[in-house]
Amino acid sequence: MEPIEINAGSWYLRALRADERIDDRPALADGGITDPGYVATRTAQWADETHYSWAVCVPTTAEMVAEIGVTPGADGTAAITGWVREGYREALDDGLVAVHRFTSGFLGLEPVDAS
């Protein structure tokens, strides 16, 4: 599956990026994620449908302030996880609501908070 963007009110959710236009790696490092292959891994997981992840972003700057992930289970459920940079809890909360709707409505899976 190709990554799907989600509008979450004051925030927007998009696939993680590390290219000439947008580089999420500094924000990921703020979240303790320093693996140089992390963005490529998340991109591959979208393609093989084993994990879906979103950068929760400020719409005006595209700055990543949180990450939300969905891991489908074999039992019709999906584990939902997330982390947030300091000062942006509202972004994570709003993003989680939108991802819960996506998980149940689009993927047809029962969301389960795993954070």
Protein backbone atom coordinates (compact mmCIF):
# COMPACT_ATOMS: atom_id res chain seq x y z
CA MET A 1 0.00 0.00 0.00
CA GLU A 2 1.15 3.54 -0.71
CA PRO A 3 1.32 5.86 2.33
CA ILE A 4 -1.92 7.72 2.97
CA GLU A 5 -2.04 11.26 4.35
CA ILE A 6 -4.61 12.06 7.03
CA ASN A 7 -6.02 15.44 8.05
CA ALA A 8 -6.32 15.63 11.84
CA GLY A 9 -7.81 19.08 12.26
CA SER A 10 -4.98 21.41 13.28
CA TRP A 11 -2.38 18.80 12.28
CA TYR A 12 -1.67 16.68 9.27
CA LEU A 13 -0.24 13.19 9.14
CA ARG A 14 2.07 12.03 6.37
CA ALA A 15 4.65 9.36 5.73
CA LEU A 16 8.06 9.85 7.28
CA ARG A 17 10.57 11.53 4.97
CA ALA A 18 14.29 12.05 4.64
CA ASP A 19 14.90 13.70 1.28
CA GLU A 20 16.01 17.00 -0.21
CA ARG A 21 12.70 18.71 0.67
CA ILE A 22 11.82 17.36 4.12
CA ASP A 23 14.07 15.58 6.60
CA ASP A 24 12.39 14.09 9.67
CA ARG A 25 15.62 12.66 11.09
CA PRO A 26 16.30 15.59 13.49
CA ALA A 27 12.78 15.25 14.93
CA LEU A 28 13.20 11.49 15.17
CA ALA A 29 16.46 12.04 17.08
CA ASP A 30 14.52 14.25 19.52
CA GLY A 31 12.32 11.20 20.08
CA GLY A 32 15.36 8.98 20.71
CA ILE A 33 15.32 7.35 17.25
CA THR A 34 18.78 7.58 15.70
CA ASP A 35 18.83 4.57 13.35
CA PRO A 36 19.90 5.99 9.96
CA GLY A 37 17.70 3.41 8.17
CA TYR A 38 14.55 4.14 10.19
CA VAL A 39 12.73 6.16 7.51
CA ALA A 40 13.54 3.58 4.81
CA THR A 41 12.30 0.79 7.08
CA ARG A 42 9.02 2.61 7.73
CA THR A 43 8.59 3.19 3.97
CA ALA A 44 9.15 -0.51 3.26
CA GLN A 45 6.64 -1.48 5.95
CA TRP A 46 3.94 0.57 4.19
CA ALA A 47 4.72 -1.33 0.98
CA ASP A 48 4.49 -4.76 2.60
CA GLU A 49 1.59 -3.71 4.87
CA THR A 50 3.24 -4.86 8.09
CA HIS A 51 3.25 -1.45 9.80
CA TYR A 52 1.80 1.94 8.95
CA SER A 53 3.39 5.06 10.39
CA TRP A 54 2.75 8.77 10.22
CA ALA A 55 4.70 11.87 11.05
CA VAL A 56 2.29 14.22 12.83
CA CYS A 57 3.16 17.64 11.45
CA VAL A 58 2.59 21.35 11.88
CA PRO A 59 0.70 22.29 8.67
CA THR A 60 2.50 25.59 8.07
CA THR A 61 6.06 24.28 8.40
CA ALA A 62 5.78 20.50 7.84
CA GLU A 63 7.78 20.07 11.07
CA MET A 64 7.34 16.61 12.58
CA VAL A 65 6.22 16.81 16.21
CA ALA A 66 5.04 13.23 16.84
CA GLU A 67 4.88 9.79 15.28
CA ILE A 68 1.99 7.34 15.27
CA GLY A 69 2.25 3.72 14.18
CA VAL A 70 -0.24 0.94 13.48
CA THR A 71 0.82 -2.71 13.48
CA PRO A 72 -1.86 -5.12 12.19
CA GLY A 73 -2.33 -8.31 14.18
CA ALA A 74 -3.38 -11.72 12.92
CA ASP A 75 -6.57 -11.55 15.02
CA GLY A 76 -8.29 -8.58 13.36
CA THR A 77 -6.81 -6.03 15.76
CA ALA A 78 -4.13 -3.41 15.25
CA ALA A 79 -1.72 -2.15 17.89
CA ILE A 80 -1.47 1.63 17.88
CA THR A 81 1.58 3.35 19.32
CA GLY A 82 2.88 6.88 19.39
CA TRP A 83 5.42 9.25 20.81
CA VAL A 84 5.55 13.03 20.93
CA ARG A 85 8.13 15.79 21.18
CA GLU A 86 7.91 17.94 24.28
CA GLY A 87 5.18 20.57 24.10
CA TYR A 88 3.09 18.90 21.41
CA ARG A 89 0.84 16.48 23.33
CA GLU A 90 -2.26 17.93 21.63
CA ALA A 91 -0.84 16.95 18.22
CA LEU A 92 -0.42 13.35 19.32
CA ASP A 93 -3.88 13.20 20.89
CA ASP A 94 -5.58 14.65 17.78
CA GLY A 95 -3.54 12.38 15.53
CA LEU A 96 -4.46 9.29 17.52
CA VAL A 97 -8.17 10.03 17.09
CA ALA A 98 -7.72 10.27 13.32
CA VAL A 99 -5.57 7.12 13.15
CA HIS A 100 -8.13 5.17 15.18
CA ARG A 101 -10.78 6.13 12.59
CA PHE A 102 -8.45 5.16 9.72
CA THR A 103 -7.64 1.82 11.36
CA SER A 104 -11.24 0.80 11.88
CA GLY A 105 -12.79 2.46 8.81
CA PHE A 106 -10.16 1.94 6.10
CA LEU A 107 -8.20 -1.06 7.34
CA GLY A 108 -11.18 -2.79 8.95
CA LEU A 109 -9.19 -3.59 12.08
CA GLU A 110 -10.04 -3.07 15.75
CA PRO A 111 -7.65 -0.45 17.17
CA VAL A 112 -5.88 -1.36 20.41
CA ASP A 113 -3.73 1.20 22.21
CA ALA A 114 -0.31 -0.31 22.86
CA SER A 115 1.53 2.80 24.10
